[in-house]
Protein backbone atom coordinates (compact mmCIF):
# COMPACT_ATOMS: atom_id res chain seq x y z
CA UNK A 1 99.13 -203.28 163.84
CA UNK A 2 98.20 -199.63 163.57
CA UNK A 3 100.02 -197.04 163.18
CA UNK A 4 100.25 -196.04 166.92
CA UNK A 5 101.41 -199.48 167.74
CA UNK A 6 104.54 -198.84 165.37
CA UNK A 7 105.60 -195.83 166.56
CA UNK A 8 106.89 -197.10 169.48
CA UNK A 9 108.68 -200.00 167.61
CA UNK A 10 109.97 -197.59 164.90
CA UNK A 11 111.45 -195.46 167.49
CA UNK A 12 113.53 -198.44 169.66
CA UNK A 13 114.63 -199.81 165.65
CA UNK A 14 116.20 -196.95 165.17
CA UNK A 15 118.11 -196.00 168.32
CA UNK A 16 118.88 -199.75 168.47
CA UNK A 17 120.94 -199.45 164.62
CA UNK A 18 122.19 -195.75 166.17
CA UNK A 19 123.38 -197.22 169.22
CA UNK A 20 124.74 -201.07 167.71
CA UNK A 21 126.65 -198.21 164.90
CA UNK A 22 128.05 -196.72 167.68
CA UNK A 23 130.28 -200.20 168.81
CA UNK A 24 130.57 -201.26 165.32
CA UNK A 25 132.26 -198.49 163.59
CA UNK A 26 132.57 -195.61 166.80
CA UNK A 27 136.08 -193.85 165.26
CA UNK A 28 132.89 -191.93 163.66
CA UNK A 29 131.19 -191.09 166.36
CA UNK A 30 134.91 -190.03 168.23
CA UNK A 31 135.23 -187.13 165.92
CA UNK A 32 131.59 -185.56 166.78
CA UNK A 33 131.78 -185.79 170.55
CA UNK A 34 132.73 -182.54 171.56
CA UNK A 35 136.33 -181.38 173.13
CA UNK A 36 135.23 -179.43 176.33
CA UNK A 37 133.65 -183.00 177.56
CA UNK A 38 135.49 -185.11 180.40
CA UNK A 39 137.35 -187.93 179.91
CA UNK A 40 137.85 -189.77 176.33
CA UNK A 41 135.90 -189.44 172.82
CA UNK A 42 136.32 -193.60 172.80
CA UNK A 43 134.16 -193.54 176.30
CA UNK A 44 131.35 -190.82 175.33
CA UNK A 45 130.73 -192.74 172.03
CA UNK A 46 130.20 -196.43 173.95
CA UNK A 47 128.55 -194.45 176.44
CA UNK A 48 126.12 -192.67 173.79
CA UNK A 49 125.75 -196.32 172.13
CA UNK A 50 125.25 -198.24 175.48
CA UNK A 51 122.52 -195.12 176.30
CA UNK A 52 120.67 -195.89 173.14
CA UNK A 53 120.45 -199.55 173.40
CA UNK A 54 119.47 -199.14 176.61
CA UNK A 55 116.39 -196.14 175.76
CA UNK A 56 115.64 -198.26 172.51
CA UNK A 57 115.21 -201.90 175.69
CA UNK A 58 113.00 -199.31 177.16
CA UNK A 59 111.22 -198.10 174.79
CA UNK A 60 110.35 -201.66 173.24
CA UNK A 61 108.59 -202.53 176.88
CA UNK A 62 105.62 -201.24 177.05
CA UNK A 63 105.84 -201.13 181.50
CA UNK A 64 108.72 -198.84 180.28
CA UNK A 65 107.95 -196.87 176.62
CA UNK A 66 106.27 -193.40 179.09
CA UNK A 67 109.99 -193.26 181.03
CA UNK A 68 112.18 -194.42 178.19
CA UNK A 69 110.70 -192.48 175.37
CA UNK A 70 110.93 -188.73 178.47
CA UNK A 71 114.42 -190.39 178.24
CA UNK A 72 114.65 -190.80 175.12
CA UNK A 73 113.67 -186.99 174.13
CA UNK A 74 115.61 -185.43 177.28
CA UNK A 75 118.81 -187.87 175.36
CA UNK A 76 118.12 -185.75 171.83
CA UNK A 77 118.32 -182.49 173.71
CA UNK A 78 121.64 -183.79 175.17
CA UNK A 79 123.17 -184.80 172.37
CA UNK A 80 122.58 -181.76 169.98
CA UNK A 81 125.94 -179.84 170.70
CA UNK A 82 127.31 -182.96 168.33
CA UNK A 83 125.27 -182.42 165.96
CA UNK A 84 126.69 -178.91 166.29
CA UNK A 85 130.29 -180.01 166.33
CA UNK A 86 129.88 -181.92 163.09
CA UNK A 87 128.41 -179.04 161.30
CA UNK A 88 131.56 -177.30 162.14
CA UNK A 89 133.36 -179.69 161.58
CA UNK A 90 132.86 -180.01 158.64
CA UNK A 91 131.83 -176.84 156.74
CA UNK A 92 134.68 -177.22 154.28
CA UNK A 93 133.77 -180.84 153.64
CA UNK A 94 131.91 -181.77 149.86
CA UNK A 95 129.04 -179.78 149.68
CA UNK A 96 126.70 -183.18 149.94
CA UNK A 97 128.63 -184.24 153.74
CA UNK A 98 128.57 -180.73 154.41
CA UNK A 99 124.48 -180.14 153.07
CA UNK A 100 123.68 -183.51 155.84
CA UNK A 101 125.72 -182.02 158.88
CA UNK A 102 123.98 -179.33 158.24
CA UNK A 103 120.77 -180.83 157.54
CA UNK A 104 121.11 -183.25 161.14
CA UNK A 105 120.24 -180.16 162.86
CA UNK A 106 116.80 -179.36 162.25
CA UNK A 107 115.90 -183.05 162.99
CA UNK A 108 116.45 -183.31 166.06
CA UNK A 109 113.47 -180.85 166.37
CA UNK A 110 111.14 -183.74 165.65
CA UNK A 111 113.11 -186.54 166.87
CA UNK A 112 112.36 -184.86 170.53
CA UNK A 113 108.67 -184.63 169.47
CA UNK A 114 107.82 -187.95 168.50
CA UNK A 115 110.19 -189.48 171.34
CA UNK A 116 107.19 -187.60 173.33
CA UNK A 117 104.63 -188.48 170.95
CA UNK A 118 105.16 -192.33 172.11
CA UNK A 119 106.03 -191.17 175.57
CA UNK A 120 102.05 -190.14 175.19
CA UNK A 121 100.85 -192.51 174.06
CA UNK A 122 102.45 -194.97 176.46
CA UNK A 123 100.68 -193.41 179.77
CA UNK A 124 97.71 -195.11 181.80
CA UNK A 125 99.04 -198.88 180.06
CA UNK A 126 101.18 -201.19 181.64
């Protein structure tokens, strides 16, 4: 299996693992939900977990890969406010936790670019 064939599956695996984590340990995700969103944090936690699972399935399937990868790029942009909230909320935590929260912020850029790359590599395939 070539690197270009592995990339979509790795991205799908990352999304699937994150999606499962939203259901397995929802409390840690609830805390990152911006308070300005309507509804309960748990609803947003479960909705984002379900979205990640759906995106993972879409990327894993060659027929839906391009659309799912583009939706994944948009999803990564959309969850950025939760990462900002986490960084702000964790600013007084011990240095390793604070560094992890701050370090997540620039990681969104390569995730978006990765998803776009998967979308581009999926063009013209059925």
